[in-house]
Amino acid sequence: MLRKATLITLGTSLVFALIGGSVAYLFVYIGIESVLVGLSMTFSSTIICLKLLPTRTLHHQHTGEIIISILLLQNLLATAVLLLIGGLSGHDSSIKGAGLLVITLHFC
C-alpha cells in the first residue's frame, strides 16, 4: 500500500504544484513567489478530508486505507517543505529539524 500511496501523493502534489505555480506566474509573480504558491497548492487539510469520508466502515476498507495513507504522506511532505523553506531563509534550527525528520522517517 505504501507504493500506491506514495505514487499517488507525489503525482498529485506535482500536478497541483505545477498548476498553482503556472497560475501565479500568469499573474506576474516572479520565480520564487510562483514556486511558493505552487508548493502551497499541493497540500490539503487532513481534517476536512477525513470528515468527507462517508462512514466509519470506509476507514476499514481498502479505499479508506489508501486515502488515509495519502493524507499522512501529504502531511510528511508538507513538514519537509516547511523545513526546506525555513532552511532557505537562513535559520539554523531548520537544518536540525530536517535532520530529525530524516531520522524519524528512517525508524518508522
PDB file of N, CA and C in Angstrom:
ATOM      1  N   MET A   1       0.821  -1.190   0.000  1.00  0.00           N
ATOM      2  CA  MET A   1       0.000   0.000   0.000  1.00  0.00           C
ATOM      3  C   MET A   1       0.872   1.264   0.000  1.00  0.00           C
ATOM      4  N   LEU A   2       2.067   1.169   0.566  1.00  0.00           N
ATOM      5  CA  LEU A   2       2.948   2.333   0.617  1.00  0.00           C
ATOM      6  C   LEU A   2       3.338   2.794  -0.786  1.00  0.00           C
ATOM      7  N   ARG A   3       3.581   1.845  -1.689  1.00  0.00           N
ATOM      8  CA  ARG A   3       3.967   2.202  -3.052  1.00  0.00           C
ATOM      9  C   ARG A   3       2.825   2.953  -3.753  1.00  0.00           C
ATOM     10  N   LYS A   4       1.586   2.439  -3.632  1.00  0.00           N
ATOM     11  CA  LYS A   4       0.441   3.102  -4.263  1.00  0.00           C
ATOM     12  C   LYS A   4       0.245   4.500  -3.696  1.00  0.00           C
ATOM     13  N   ALA A   5       0.263   4.601  -2.375  1.00  0.00           N
ATOM     14  CA  ALA A   5       0.028   5.894  -1.729  1.00  0.00           C
ATOM     15  C   ALA A   5       1.128   6.885  -2.078  1.00  0.00           C
ATOM     16  N   THR A   6       2.363   6.422  -2.147  1.00  0.00           N
ATOM     17  CA  THR A   6       3.480   7.313  -2.477  1.00  0.00           C
ATOM     18  C   THR A   6       3.376   7.815  -3.914  1.00  0.00           C
ATOM     19  N   LEU A   7       3.072   6.923  -4.840  1.00  0.00           N
ATOM     20  CA  LEU A   7       2.937   7.336  -6.243  1.00  0.00           C
ATOM     21  C   LEU A   7       1.797   8.334  -6.419  1.00  0.00           C
ATOM     22  N   ILE A   8       0.675   8.059  -5.799  1.00  0.00           N
ATOM     23  CA  ILE A   8      -0.474   8.962  -5.913  1.00  0.00           C
ATOM     24  C   ILE A   8      -0.167  10.309  -5.267  1.00  0.00           C
ATOM     25  N   THR A   9       0.442  10.281  -4.084  1.00  0.00           N
ATOM     26  CA  THR A   9       0.756  11.524  -3.374  1.00  0.00           C
ATOM     27  C   THR A   9       1.737  12.378  -4.153  1.00  0.00           C
ATOM     28  N   LEU A  10       2.813  11.776  -4.616  1.00  0.00           N
ATOM     29  CA  LEU A  10       3.809  12.549  -5.364  1.00  0.00           C
ATOM     30  C   LEU A  10       3.258  13.034  -6.700  1.00  0.00           C
ATOM     31  N   GLY A  11       2.472  12.191  -7.365  1.00  0.00           N
ATOM     32  CA  GLY A  11       1.881  12.589  -8.645  1.00  0.00           C
ATOM     33  C   GLY A  11       0.919  13.757  -8.511  1.00  0.00           C
ATOM     34  N   THR A  12      -0.005  13.656  -7.575  1.00  0.00           N
ATOM     35  CA  THR A  12      -0.975  14.744  -7.397  1.00  0.00           C
ATOM     36  C   THR A  12      -0.311  16.000  -6.864  1.00  0.00           C
ATOM     37  N   SER A  13       0.674  15.840  -5.991  1.00  0.00           N
ATOM     38  CA  SER A  13       1.373  17.016  -5.472  1.00  0.00           C
ATOM     39  C   SER A  13       2.114  17.739  -6.585  1.00  0.00           C
ATOM     40  N   LEU A  14       2.741  16.984  -7.464  1.00  0.00           N
ATOM     41  CA  LEU A  14       3.462  17.587  -8.588  1.00  0.00           C
ATOM     42  C   LEU A  14       2.503  18.307  -9.538  1.00  0.00           C
ATOM     43  N   VAL A  15       1.368  17.676  -9.840  1.00  0.00           N
ATOM     44  CA  VAL A  15       0.385  18.300 -10.739  1.00  0.00           C
ATOM     45  C   VAL A  15      -0.150  19.597 -10.137  1.00  0.00           C
ATOM     46  N   PHE A  16      -0.536  19.553  -8.845  1.00  0.00           N
ATOM     47  CA  PHE A  16      -1.072  20.761  -8.215  1.00  0.00           C
ATOM     48  C   PHE A  16      -0.005  21.845  -8.074  1.00  0.00           C
ATOM     49  N   ALA A  17       1.239  21.452  -7.815  1.00  0.00           N
ATOM     50  CA  ALA A  17       2.319  22.441  -7.728  1.00  0.00           C
ATOM     51  C   ALA A  17       2.531  23.120  -9.072  1.00  0.00           C
ATOM     52  N   LEU A  18       2.511  22.336 -10.146  1.00  0.00           N
ATOM     53  CA  LEU A  18       2.684  22.922 -11.476  1.00  0.00           C
ATOM     54  C   LEU A  18       1.525  23.843 -11.848  1.00  0.00           C
ATOM     55  N   ILE A  19       0.310  23.422 -11.541  1.00  0.00           N
ATOM     56  CA  ILE A  19      -0.853  24.264 -11.841  1.00  0.00           C
ATOM     57  C   ILE A  19      -0.806  25.548 -11.020  1.00  0.00           C
ATOM     58  N   GLY A  20      -0.565  25.423  -9.718  1.00  0.00           N
ATOM     59  CA  GLY A  20      -0.512  26.608  -8.852  1.00  0.00           C
ATOM     60  C   GLY A  20       0.608  27.551  -9.235  1.00  0.00           C
ATOM     61  N   GLY A  21       1.780  27.000  -9.525  1.00  0.00           N
ATOM     62  CA  GLY A  21       2.906  27.837  -9.939  1.00  0.00           C
ATOM     63  C   GLY A  21       2.661  28.511 -11.274  1.00  0.00           C
ATOM     64  N   SER A  22       2.015  27.795 -12.193  1.00  0.00           N
ATOM     65  CA  SER A  22       1.704  28.376 -13.508  1.00  0.00           C
ATOM     66  C   SER A  22       0.703  29.520 -13.392  1.00  0.00           C
ATOM     67  N   VAL A  23      -0.316  29.322 -12.578  1.00  0.00           N
ATOM     68  CA  VAL A  23      -1.310  30.392 -12.379  1.00  0.00           C
ATOM     69  C   VAL A  23      -0.650  31.611 -11.736  1.00  0.00           C
ATOM     70  N   ALA A  24       0.199  31.383 -10.749  1.00  0.00           N
ATOM     71  CA  ALA A  24       0.900  32.504 -10.108  1.00  0.00           C
ATOM     72  C   ALA A  24       1.808  33.214 -11.113  1.00  0.00           C
ATOM     73  N   TYR A  25       2.467  32.439 -11.975  1.00  0.00           N
ATOM     74  CA  TYR A  25       3.337  33.031 -12.985  1.00  0.00           C
ATOM     75  C   TYR A  25       2.528  33.867 -13.978  1.00  0.00           C
ATOM     76  N   LEU A  26       1.321  33.393 -14.320  1.00  0.00           N
ATOM     77  CA  LEU A  26       0.449  34.160 -15.223  1.00  0.00           C
ATOM     78  C   LEU A  26      -0.001  35.469 -14.590  1.00  0.00           C
ATOM     79  N   PHE A  27      -0.068  35.507 -13.262  1.00  0.00           N
ATOM     80  CA  PHE A  27      -0.431  36.738 -12.564  1.00  0.00           C
ATOM     81  C   PHE A  27       0.805  37.569 -12.218  1.00  0.00           C
ATOM     82  N   VAL A  28       1.892  37.356 -12.925  1.00  0.00           N
ATOM     83  CA  VAL A  28       3.123  38.133 -12.901  1.00  0.00           C
ATOM     84  C   VAL A  28       3.862  38.050 -11.552  1.00  0.00           C
ATOM     85  N   TYR A  29       3.800  36.917 -10.895  1.00  0.00           N
ATOM     86  CA  TYR A  29       4.672  36.703  -9.750  1.00  0.00           C
ATOM     87  C   TYR A  29       6.010  36.226 -10.284  1.00  0.00           C
ATOM     88  N   ILE A  30       7.084  36.632  -9.623  1.00  0.00           N
ATOM     89  CA  ILE A  30       8.413  36.227 -10.098  1.00  0.00           C
ATOM     90  C   ILE A  30       8.713  34.806  -9.636  1.00  0.00           C
ATOM     91  N   GLY A  31       9.822  34.256 -10.050  1.00  0.00           N
ATOM     92  CA  GLY A  31      10.195  32.858  -9.872  1.00  0.00           C
ATOM     93  C   GLY A  31       9.914  32.241  -8.515  1.00  0.00           C
ATOM     94  N   ILE A  32      10.561  32.739  -7.459  1.00  0.00           N
ATOM     95  CA  ILE A  32      10.437  32.096  -6.149  1.00  0.00           C
ATOM     96  C   ILE A  32       9.025  32.250  -5.588  1.00  0.00           C
ATOM     97  N   GLU A  33       8.379  33.349  -5.900  1.00  0.00           N
ATOM     98  CA  GLU A  33       7.000  33.533  -5.438  1.00  0.00           C
ATOM     99  C   GLU A  33       6.076  32.520  -6.107  1.00  0.00           C
ATOM    100  N   SER A  34       6.272  32.276  -7.389  1.00  0.00           N
ATOM    101  CA  SER A  34       5.471  31.275  -8.098  1.00  0.00           C
ATOM    102  C   SER A  34       5.710  29.884  -7.516  1.00  0.00           C
ATOM    103  N   VAL A  35       6.948  29.588  -7.180  1.00  0.00           N
ATOM    104  CA  VAL A  35       7.270  28.289  -6.585  1.00  0.00           C
ATOM    105  C   VAL A  35       6.568  28.136  -5.232  1.00  0.00           C
ATOM    106  N   LEU A  36       6.595  29.181  -4.423  1.00  0.00           N
ATOM    107  CA  LEU A  36       5.937  29.121  -3.114  1.00  0.00           C
ATOM    108  C   LEU A  36       4.426  28.950  -3.244  1.00  0.00           C
ATOM    109  N   VAL A  37       3.819  29.639  -4.194  1.00  0.00           N
ATOM    110  CA  VAL A  37       2.382  29.467  -4.433  1.00  0.00           C
ATOM    111  C   VAL A  37       2.106  28.043  -4.898  1.00  0.00           C
ATOM    112  N   GLY A  38       2.933  27.528  -5.789  1.00  0.00           N
ATOM    113  CA  GLY A  38       2.768  26.157  -6.261  1.00  0.00           C
ATOM    114  C   GLY A  38       2.892  25.151  -5.135  1.00  0.00           C
ATOM    115  N   LEU A  39       3.865  25.335  -4.251  1.00  0.00           N
ATOM    116  CA  LEU A  39       4.027  24.423  -3.111  1.00  0.00           C
ATOM    117  C   LEU A  39       2.847  24.499  -2.159  1.00  0.00           C
ATOM    118  N   SER A  40       2.320  25.685  -1.977  1.00  0.00           N
ATOM    119  CA  SER A  40       1.190  25.819  -1.053  1.00  0.00           C
ATOM    120  C   SER A  40      -0.076  25.175  -1.609  1.00  0.00           C
ATOM    121  N   MET A  41      -0.156  25.037  -2.922  1.00  0.00           N
ATOM    122  CA  MET A  41      -1.337  24.422  -3.530  1.00  0.00           C
ATOM    123  C   MET A  41      -1.330  22.899  -3.411  1.00  0.00           C
ATOM    124  N   THR A  42      -0.218  22.315  -3.022  1.00  0.00           N
ATOM    125  CA  THR A  42      -0.114  20.859  -3.020  1.00  0.00           C
ATOM    126  C   THR A  42      -0.729  20.204  -1.794  1.00  0.00           C
ATOM    127  N   PHE A  43      -1.001  20.962  -0.769  1.00  0.00           N
ATOM    128  CA  PHE A  43      -1.403  20.351   0.496  1.00  0.00           C
ATOM    129  C   PHE A  43      -2.874  20.573   0.789  1.00  0.00           C
ATOM    130  N   SER A  44      -3.508  19.542   1.241  1.00  0.00           N
ATOM    131  CA  SER A  44      -4.916  19.635   1.622  1.00  0.00           C
ATOM    132  C   SER A  44      -5.022  19.542   3.131  1.00  0.00           C
ATOM    133  N   SER A  45      -6.178  19.811   3.628  1.00  0.00           N
ATOM    134  CA  SER A  45      -6.414  19.716   5.065  1.00  0.00           C
ATOM    135  C   SER A  45      -6.833  18.293   5.413  1.00  0.00           C
ATOM    136  N   THR A  46      -6.078  17.656   6.258  1.00  0.00           N
ATOM    137  CA  THR A  46      -6.364  16.274   6.636  1.00  0.00           C
ATOM    138  C   THR A  46      -7.696  16.160   7.344  1.00  0.00           C
ATOM    139  N   ILE A  47      -7.995  17.081   8.218  1.00  0.00           N
ATOM    140  CA  ILE A  47      -9.241  17.022   8.981  1.00  0.00           C
ATOM    141  C   ILE A  47     -10.445  17.096   8.052  1.00  0.00           C
ATOM    142  N   ILE A  48     -10.422  18.019   7.100  1.00  0.00           N
ATOM    143  CA  ILE A  48     -11.547  18.167   6.176  1.00  0.00           C
ATOM    144  C   ILE A  48     -11.713  16.910   5.341  1.00  0.00           C
ATOM    145  N   CYS A  49     -10.617  16.369   4.839  1.00  0.00           N
ATOM    146  CA  CYS A  49     -10.714  15.151   4.019  1.00  0.00           C
ATOM    147  C   CYS A  49     -11.227  13.972   4.823  1.00  0.00           C
ATOM    148  N   LEU A  50     -10.794  13.860   6.058  1.00  0.00           N
ATOM    149  CA  LEU A  50     -11.280  12.757   6.886  1.00  0.00           C
ATOM    150  C   LEU A  50     -12.768  12.914   7.198  1.00  0.00           C
ATOM    151  N   LYS A  51     -13.216  14.147   7.360  1.00  0.00           N
ATOM    152  CA  LYS A  51     -14.642  14.378   7.606  1.00  0.00           C
ATOM    153  C   LYS A  51     -15.484  14.065   6.372  1.00  0.00           C
ATOM    154  N   LEU A  52     -14.882  14.161   5.190  1.00  0.00           N
ATOM    155  CA  LEU A  52     -15.614  13.879   3.968  1.00  0.00           C
ATOM    156  C   LEU A  52     -15.782  12.383   3.707  1.00  0.00           C
ATOM    157  N   LEU A  53     -15.014  11.549   4.404  1.00  0.00           N
ATOM    158  CA  LEU A  53     -15.215  10.107   4.265  1.00  0.00           C
ATOM    159  C   LEU A  53     -16.606   9.776   4.796  1.00  0.00           C
ATOM    160  N   PRO A  54     -17.420   9.083   4.029  1.00  0.00           N
ATOM    161  CA  PRO A  54     -18.836   8.953   4.365  1.00  0.00           C
ATOM    162  C   PRO A  54     -19.148   8.191   5.658  1.00  0.00           C
ATOM    163  N   THR A  55     -18.484   7.094   5.900  1.00  0.00           N
ATOM    164  CA  THR A  55     -18.816   6.310   7.088  1.00  0.00           C
ATOM    165  C   THR A  55     -17.542   5.768   7.708  1.00  0.00           C
ATOM    166  N   ARG A  56     -17.691   5.264   8.902  1.00  0.00           N
ATOM    167  CA  ARG A  56     -16.540   4.655   9.569  1.00  0.00           C
ATOM    168  C   ARG A  56     -16.138   3.346   8.901  1.00  0.00           C
ATOM    169  N   THR A  57     -17.061   2.704   8.229  1.00  0.00           N
ATOM    170  CA  THR A  57     -16.708   1.448   7.571  1.00  0.00           C
ATOM    171  C   THR A  57     -15.729   1.676   6.433  1.00  0.00           C
ATOM    172  N   LEU A  58     -15.766   2.876   5.830  1.00  0.00           N
ATOM    173  CA  LEU A  58     -14.832   3.173   4.758  1.00  0.00           C
ATOM    174  C   LEU A  58     -13.395   3.200   5.277  1.00  0.00           C
ATOM    175  N   HIS A  59     -13.219   3.582   6.541  1.00  0.00           N
ATOM    176  CA  HIS A  59     -11.887   3.594   7.130  1.00  0.00           C
ATOM    177  C   HIS A  59     -11.267   2.200   7.114  1.00  0.00           C
ATOM    178  N   HIS A  60     -12.105   1.169   7.194  1.00  0.00           N
ATOM    179  CA  HIS A  60     -11.611  -0.196   7.264  1.00  0.00           C
ATOM    180  C   HIS A  60     -11.564  -0.867   5.893  1.00  0.00           C
ATOM    181  N   GLN A  61     -12.022  -0.187   4.868  1.00  0.00           N
ATOM    182  CA  GLN A  61     -11.945  -0.718   3.514  1.00  0.00           C
ATOM    183  C   GLN A  61     -10.640  -0.274   2.863  1.00  0.00           C
ATOM    184  N   HIS A  62     -10.291  -0.914   1.770  1.00  0.00           N
ATOM    185  CA  HIS A  62      -9.022  -0.632   1.093  1.00  0.00           C
ATOM    186  C   HIS A  62      -8.950   0.821   0.609  1.00  0.00           C
ATOM    187  N   THR A  63     -10.048   1.344   0.085  1.00  0.00           N
ATOM    188  CA  THR A  63     -10.071   2.730  -0.398  1.00  0.00           C
ATOM    189  C   THR A  63      -9.808   3.704   0.739  1.00  0.00           C
ATOM    190  N   GLY A  64     -10.441   3.473   1.864  1.00  0.00           N
ATOM    191  CA  GLY A  64     -10.229   4.334   3.024  1.00  0.00           C
ATOM    192  C   GLY A  64      -8.802   4.277   3.532  1.00  0.00           C
ATOM    193  N   GLU A  65      -8.210   3.094   3.501  1.00  0.00           N
ATOM    194  CA  GLU A  65      -6.823   2.951   3.936  1.00  0.00           C
ATOM    195  C   GLU A  65      -5.881   3.727   3.022  1.00  0.00           C
ATOM    196  N   ILE A  66      -6.134   3.678   1.724  1.00  0.00           N
ATOM    197  CA  ILE A  66      -5.289   4.423   0.786  1.00  0.00           C
ATOM    198  C   ILE A  66      -5.454   5.925   0.987  1.00  0.00           C
ATOM    199  N   ILE A  67      -6.687   6.381   1.175  1.00  0.00           N
ATOM    200  CA  ILE A  67      -6.931   7.809   1.378  1.00  0.00           C
ATOM    201  C   ILE A  67      -6.216   8.305   2.623  1.00  0.00           C
ATOM    202  N   ILE A  68      -6.317   7.566   3.704  1.00  0.00           N
ATOM    203  CA  ILE A  68      -5.658   7.981   4.944  1.00  0.00           C
ATOM    204  C   ILE A  68      -4.140   7.934   4.777  1.00  0.00           C
ATOM    205  N   SER A  69      -3.627   6.941   4.050  1.00  0.00           N
ATOM    206  CA  SER A  69      -2.185   6.873   3.788  1.00  0.00           C
ATOM    207  C   SER A  69      -1.719   8.079   2.982  1.00  0.00           C
ATOM    208  N   ILE A  70      -2.497   8.473   1.982  1.00  0.00           N
ATOM    209  CA  ILE A  70      -2.149   9.640   1.170  1.00  0.00           C
ATOM    210  C   ILE A  70      -2.129  10.898   2.029  1.00  0.00           C
ATOM    211  N   LEU A  71      -3.113  11.045   2.890  1.00  0.00           N
ATOM    212  CA  LEU A  71      -3.169  12.233   3.749  1.00  0.00           C
ATOM    213  C   LEU A  71      -1.985  12.287   4.702  1.00  0.00           C
ATOM    214  N   LEU A  72      -1.595  11.147   5.239  1.00  0.00           N
ATOM    215  CA  LEU A  72      -0.427  11.117   6.125  1.00  0.00           C
ATOM    216  C   LEU A  72       0.852  11.455   5.362  1.00  0.00           C
ATOM    217  N   LEU A  73       0.988  10.928   4.158  1.00  0.00           N
ATOM    218  CA  LEU A  73       2.166  11.257   3.347  1.00  0.00           C
ATOM    219  C   LEU A  73       2.182  12.727   2.952  1.00  0.00           C
ATOM    220  N   GLN A  74       0.997  13.300   2.692  1.00  0.00           N
ATOM    221  CA  GLN A  74       0.935  14.735   2.395  1.00  0.00           C
ATOM    222  C   GLN A  74       1.387  15.554   3.593  1.00  0.00           C
ATOM    223  N   ASN A  75       1.024  15.116   4.795  1.00  0.00           N
ATOM    224  CA  ASN A  75       1.466  15.830   5.990  1.00  0.00           C
ATOM    225  C   ASN A  75       2.978  15.751   6.151  1.00  0.00           C
ATOM    226  N   LEU A  76       3.568  14.587   5.884  1.00  0.00           N
ATOM    227  CA  LEU A  76       5.026  14.460   5.949  1.00  0.00           C
ATOM    228  C   LEU A  76       5.698  15.323   4.892  1.00  0.00           C
ATOM    229  N   LEU A  77       5.120  15.350   3.700  1.00  0.00           N
ATOM    230  CA  LEU A  77       5.660  16.176   2.626  1.00  0.00           C
ATOM    231  C   LEU A  77       5.547  17.662   2.980  1.00  0.00           C
ATOM    232  N   ALA A  78       4.433  18.049   3.564  1.00  0.00           N
ATOM    233  CA  ALA A  78       4.255  19.445   3.980  1.00  0.00           C
ATOM    234  C   ALA A  78       5.288  19.829   5.033  1.00  0.00           C
ATOM    235  N   THR A  79       5.539  18.936   5.969  1.00  0.00           N
ATOM    236  CA  THR A  79       6.541  19.203   7.003  1.00  0.00           C
ATOM    237  C   THR A  79       7.919  19.375   6.382  1.00  0.00           C
ATOM    238  N   ALA A  80       8.260  18.504   5.438  1.00  0.00           N
ATOM    239  CA  ALA A  80       9.562  18.596   4.773  1.00  0.00           C
ATOM    240  C   ALA A  80       9.686  19.905   3.992  1.00  0.00           C
ATOM    241  N   VAL A  81       8.621  20.307   3.301  1.00  0.00           N
ATOM    242  CA  VAL A  81       8.658  21.555   2.525  1.00  0.00           C
ATOM    243  C   VAL A  81       8.781  22.758   3.456  1.00  0.00           C
ATOM    244  N   LEU A  82       8.068  22.754   4.565  1.00  0.00           N
ATOM    245  CA  LEU A  82       8.167  23.863   5.514  1.00  0.00           C
ATOM    246  C   LEU A  82       9.571  23.950   6.107  1.00  0.00           C
ATOM    247  N   LEU A  83      10.177  22.793   6.390  1.00  0.00           N
ATOM    248  CA  LEU A  83      11.557  22.796   6.875  1.00  0.00           C
ATOM    249  C   LEU A  83      12.505  23.316   5.805  1.00  0.00           C
ATOM    250  N   LEU A  84      12.265  22.965   4.557  1.00  0.00           N
ATOM    251  CA  LEU A  84      13.096  23.441   3.459  1.00  0.00           C
ATOM    252  C   LEU A  84      12.973  24.951   3.301  1.00  0.00           C
ATOM    253  N   ILE A  85      11.752  25.452   3.361  1.00  0.00           N
ATOM    254  CA  ILE A  85      11.542  26.901   3.243  1.00  0.00           C
ATOM    255  C   ILE A  85      12.219  27.626   4.397  1.00  0.00           C
ATOM    256  N   GLY A  86      12.076  27.078   5.608  1.00  0.00           N
ATOM    257  CA  GLY A  86      12.744  27.673   6.763  1.00  0.00           C
ATOM    258  C   GLY A  86      14.255  27.625   6.624  1.00  0.00           C
ATOM    259  N   GLY A  87      14.772  26.534   6.056  1.00  0.00           N
ATOM    260  CA  GLY A  87      16.208  26.415   5.852  1.00  0.00           C
ATOM    261  C   GLY A  87      16.721  27.400   4.823  1.00  0.00           C
ATOM    262  N   LEU A  88      15.919  27.669   3.804  1.00  0.00           N
ATOM    263  CA  LEU A  88      16.327  28.633   2.782  1.00  0.00           C
ATOM    264  C   LEU A  88      16.333  30.065   3.311  1.00  0.00           C
ATOM    265  N   SER A  89      15.599  30.295   4.400  1.00  0.00           N
ATOM    266  CA  SER A  89      15.569  31.645   4.961  1.00  0.00           C
ATOM    267  C   SER A  89      16.787  31.921   5.835  1.00  0.00           C
ATOM    268  N   GLY A  90      17.600  30.883   6.105  1.00  0.00           N
ATOM    269  CA  GLY A  90      18.855  31.105   6.807  1.00  0.00           C
ATOM    270  C   GLY A  90      18.834  30.770   8.281  1.00  0.00           C
ATOM    271  N   HIS A  91      17.810  30.101   8.777  1.00  0.00           N
ATOM    272  CA  HIS A  91      17.757  29.733  10.189  1.00  0.00           C
ATOM    273  C   HIS A  91      18.425  28.378  10.389  1.00  0.00           C
ATOM    274  N   ASP A  92      19.291  28.292  11.392  1.00  0.00           N
ATOM    275  CA  ASP A  92      19.997  27.040  11.651  1.00  0.00           C
ATOM    276  C   ASP A  92      19.091  25.954  12.204  1.00  0.00           C
ATOM    277  N   SER A  93      18.027  26.323  12.907  1.00  0.00           N
ATOM    278  CA  SER A  93      17.168  25.320  13.532  1.00  0.00           C
ATOM    279  C   SER A  93      16.446  24.459  12.493  1.00  0.00           C
ATOM    280  N   SER A  94      16.253  24.981  11.284  1.00  0.00           N
ATOM    281  CA  SER A  94      15.585  24.202  10.248  1.00  0.00           C
ATOM    282  C   SER A  94      16.449  23.043   9.782  1.00  0.00           C
ATOM    283  N   ILE A  95      17.753  23.244   9.777  1.00  0.00           N
ATOM    284  CA  ILE A  95      18.648  22.159   9.390  1.00  0.00           C
ATOM    285  C   ILE A  95      18.571  21.046  10.422  1.00  0.00           C
ATOM    286  N   LYS A  96      18.525  21.408  11.690  1.00  0.00           N
ATOM    287  CA  LYS A  96      18.371  20.407  12.749  1.00  0.00           C
ATOM    288  C   LYS A  96      17.017  19.716  12.618  1.00  0.00           C
ATOM    289  N   GLY A  97      15.975  20.490  12.310  1.00  0.00           N
ATOM    290  CA  GLY A  97      14.643  19.919  12.131  1.00  0.00           C
ATOM    291  C   GLY A  97      14.585  18.958  10.956  1.00  0.00           C
ATOM    292  N   ALA A  98      15.276  19.297   9.869  1.00  0.00           N
ATOM    293  CA  ALA A  98      15.313  18.403   8.707  1.00  0.00           C
ATOM    294  C   ALA A  98      16.038  17.115   9.048  1.00  0.00           C
ATOM    295  N   GLY A  99      17.118  17.220   9.816  1.00  0.00           N
ATOM    296  CA  GLY A  99      17.830  16.025  10.255  1.00  0.00           C
ATOM    297  C   GLY A  99      16.965  15.144  11.133  1.00  0.00           C
ATOM    298  N   LEU A 100      16.225  15.757  12.041  1.00  0.00           N
ATOM    299  CA  LEU A 100      15.309  14.988  12.895  1.00  0.00           C
ATOM    300  C   LEU A 100      14.210  14.326  12.076  1.00  0.00           C
ATOM    301  N   LEU A 101      13.714  15.013  11.048  1.00  0.00           N
ATOM    302  CA  LEU A 101      12.692  14.438  10.188  1.00  0.00           C
ATOM    303  C   LEU A 101      13.237  13.216   9.461  1.00  0.00           C
ATOM    304  N   VAL A 102      14.440  13.300   8.937  1.00  0.00           N
ATOM    305  CA  VAL A 102      15.044  12.168   8.230  1.00  0.00           C
ATOM    306  C   VAL A 102      15.253  10.988   9.175  1.00  0.00           C
ATOM    307  N   ILE A 103      15.735  11.272  10.372  1.00  0.00           N
ATOM    308  CA  ILE A 103      15.951  10.199  11.353  1.00  0.00           C
ATOM    309  C   ILE A 103      14.629   9.560  11.746  1.00  0.00           C
ATOM    310  N   THR A 104      13.612  10.371  11.967  1.00  0.00           N
ATOM    311  CA  THR A 104      12.294   9.852  12.343  1.00  0.00           C
ATOM    312  C   THR A 104      11.709   8.991  11.239  1.00  0.00           C
ATOM    313  N   LEU A 105      11.801   9.453   9.989  1.00  0.00           N
ATOM    314  CA  LEU A 105      11.271   8.684   8.871  1.00  0.00           C
ATOM    315  C   LEU A 105      12.034   7.378   8.671  1.00  0.00           C
ATOM    316  N   HIS A 106      13.311   7.397   8.997  1.00  0.00           N
ATOM    317  CA  HIS A 106      14.127   6.183   8.843  1.00  0.00           C
ATOM    318  C   HIS A 106      13.680   5.087   9.814  1.00  0.00           C
ATOM    319  N   PHE A 107      13.280   5.467  11.015  1.00  0.00           N
ATOM    320  CA  PHE A 107      12.918   4.478  12.022  1.00  0.00           C
ATOM    321  C   PHE A 107      11.435   4.141  12.052  1.00  0.00           C
ATOM    322  N   CYS A 108      10.630   4.784  11.202  1.00  0.00           N
ATOM    323  CA  CYS A 108       9.191   4.477  11.172  1.00  0.00           C
ATOM    324  C   CYS A 108       8.898   3.202  10.445  1.00  0.00           C
TER     325      CYS A 108
END
